[in-house]
Amino acid sequence: KTASFFPENTCNSGGLCVQNCPAHAITLQDGKPVWAAQCYQCLRCINECPQQAIQYGKSTAGRRRYTLRRYLPQDEQ
């Protein structure tokens, strides 16, 4: 259910969510991300947003973010 995804006011329109989406399901409209139906709900957009501006309903607000990038060798990033 992609309707539950939303950007908070802290979104800086950086576009990393668009670039990192494996389903290519995110576009920027008026500088804010919008999710399409083909979203895998992998939550990569939430976890990799440097502003922590993307939420999924009320369940992700204030929660820690997680990414594997800091554990990967530099040449795999």
C-alpha atoms as a PDB file:
ATOM      1  CA  LYS A   1       0.000   0.000   0.000  1.00  0.00           C
ATOM      2  CA  THR A   2       2.017   2.941  -1.270  1.00  0.00           C
ATOM      3  CA  ALA A   3      -0.437   5.533   0.027  1.00  0.00           C
ATOM      4  CA  SER A   4       1.156   5.130   3.472  1.00  0.00           C
ATOM      5  CA  PHE A   5       4.536   6.493   2.275  1.00  0.00           C
ATOM      6  CA  PHE A   6       5.023  10.230   2.700  1.00  0.00           C
ATOM      7  CA  PRO A   7       7.837  12.777   2.981  1.00  0.00           C
ATOM      8  CA  GLU A   8       8.055  15.021   6.014  1.00  0.00           C
ATOM      9  CA  ASN A   9       8.845  18.728   5.764  1.00  0.00           C
ATOM     10  CA  THR A  10      12.528  17.907   6.305  1.00  0.00           C
ATOM     11  CA  CYS A  11      12.692  16.471   2.765  1.00  0.00           C
ATOM     12  CA  ASN A  12      15.261  18.510   0.809  1.00  0.00           C
ATOM     13  CA  SER A  13      14.280  17.118  -2.620  1.00  0.00           C
ATOM     14  CA  GLY A  14      17.704  15.490  -2.965  1.00  0.00           C
ATOM     15  CA  GLY A  15      16.303  12.649  -5.061  1.00  0.00           C
ATOM     16  CA  LEU A  16      18.282   9.790  -3.497  1.00  0.00           C
ATOM     17  CA  CYS A  17      15.014   7.934  -2.975  1.00  0.00           C
ATOM     18  CA  VAL A  18      14.361   8.146  -6.732  1.00  0.00           C
ATOM     19  CA  GLN A  19      17.911   7.081  -7.630  1.00  0.00           C
ATOM     20  CA  ASN A  20      18.042   4.187  -5.151  1.00  0.00           C
ATOM     21  CA  CYS A  21      14.594   2.665  -5.739  1.00  0.00           C
ATOM     22  CA  PRO A  22      15.082  -0.843  -7.214  1.00  0.00           C
ATOM     23  CA  ALA A  23      11.509  -0.831  -8.581  1.00  0.00           C
ATOM     24  CA  HIS A  24      11.831   2.659 -10.129  1.00  0.00           C
ATOM     25  CA  ALA A  25       8.568   3.408  -8.342  1.00  0.00           C
ATOM     26  CA  ILE A  26       9.425   6.860  -6.976  1.00  0.00           C
ATOM     27  CA  THR A  27       9.216  10.133  -8.858  1.00  0.00           C
ATOM     28  CA  LEU A  28       9.564  13.700  -7.651  1.00  0.00           C
ATOM     29  CA  GLN A  29       6.508  15.889  -8.051  1.00  0.00           C
ATOM     30  CA  ASP A  30       6.881  19.491  -6.944  1.00  0.00           C
ATOM     31  CA  GLY A  31      10.180  18.426  -5.373  1.00  0.00           C
ATOM     32  CA  LYS A  32       8.648  15.723  -3.153  1.00  0.00           C
ATOM     33  CA  PRO A  33       8.702  11.930  -3.659  1.00  0.00           C
ATOM     34  CA  VAL A  34       5.578  10.137  -4.847  1.00  0.00           C
ATOM     35  CA  TRP A  35       5.305   6.331  -4.875  1.00  0.00           C
ATOM     36  CA  ALA A  36       3.747   4.298  -7.699  1.00  0.00           C
ATOM     37  CA  ALA A  37       1.867   1.010  -7.469  1.00  0.00           C
ATOM     38  CA  GLN A  38       4.891  -1.090  -8.545  1.00  0.00           C
ATOM     39  CA  CYS A  39       6.656  -0.302  -5.231  1.00  0.00           C
ATOM     40  CA  TYR A  40       8.224  -3.444  -3.696  1.00  0.00           C
ATOM     41  CA  GLN A  41       7.950  -1.960  -0.188  1.00  0.00           C
ATOM     42  CA  CYS A  42      11.604  -2.786   0.386  1.00  0.00           C
ATOM     43  CA  LEU A  43      11.901   0.382   2.540  1.00  0.00           C
ATOM     44  CA  ARG A  44      15.207   1.358   0.973  1.00  0.00           C
ATOM     45  CA  CYS A  45      13.874   4.891   0.493  1.00  0.00           C
ATOM     46  CA  ILE A  46      13.175   5.167   4.201  1.00  0.00           C
ATOM     47  CA  ASN A  47      16.461   3.680   5.349  1.00  0.00           C
ATOM     48  CA  GLU A  48      18.770   5.529   2.962  1.00  0.00           C
ATOM     49  CA  CYS A  49      17.260   9.001   3.172  1.00  0.00           C
ATOM     50  CA  PRO A  50      19.987  11.136   4.767  1.00  0.00           C
ATOM     51  CA  GLN A  51      17.336  13.526   6.121  1.00  0.00           C
ATOM     52  CA  GLN A  52      15.237  10.667   7.575  1.00  0.00           C
ATOM     53  CA  ALA A  53      12.355  12.517   5.938  1.00  0.00           C
ATOM     54  CA  ILE A  54      10.437   9.540   4.527  1.00  0.00           C
ATOM     55  CA  GLN A  55       7.872   7.832   6.701  1.00  0.00           C
ATOM     56  CA  TYR A  56       5.463   4.938   6.321  1.00  0.00           C
ATOM     57  CA  GLY A  57       2.333   5.831   8.231  1.00  0.00           C
ATOM     58  CA  LYS A  58       3.024   6.477  11.899  1.00  0.00           C
ATOM     59  CA  SER A  59       5.125   3.350  12.443  1.00  0.00           C
ATOM     60  CA  THR A  60       8.497   4.681  11.221  1.00  0.00           C
ATOM     61  CA  ALA A  61       8.567   8.129  12.825  1.00  0.00           C
ATOM     62  CA  GLY A  62      11.414   8.434  15.322  1.00  0.00           C
ATOM     63  CA  ARG A  63      12.794   4.973  14.560  1.00  0.00           C
ATOM     64  CA  ARG A  64      16.378   4.237  13.653  1.00  0.00           C
ATOM     65  CA  ARG A  65      17.360   3.723  10.034  1.00  0.00           C
ATOM     66  CA  TYR A  66      19.444   0.823   8.797  1.00  0.00           C
ATOM     67  CA  THR A  67      21.627   0.353   5.745  1.00  0.00           C
ATOM     68  CA  LEU A  68      24.274  -2.189   4.779  1.00  0.00           C
ATOM     69  CA  ARG A  69      26.507   0.417   3.152  1.00  0.00           C
ATOM     70  CA  ARG A  70      28.745   0.920   6.171  1.00  0.00           C
ATOM     71  CA  TYR A  71      29.470  -2.824   6.282  1.00  0.00           C
ATOM     72  CA  LEU A  72      30.348  -3.226   2.596  1.00  0.00           C
ATOM     73  CA  PRO A  73      33.870  -2.833   1.235  1.00  0.00           C
ATOM     74  CA  GLN A  74      34.292   0.549  -0.466  1.00  0.00           C
ATOM     75  CA  ASP A  75      34.476  -0.984  -3.970  1.00  0.00           C
ATOM     76  CA  GLU A  76      30.971  -2.530  -3.584  1.00  0.00           C
ATOM     77  CA  GLN A  77      29.222   0.718  -2.738  1.00  0.00           C
END
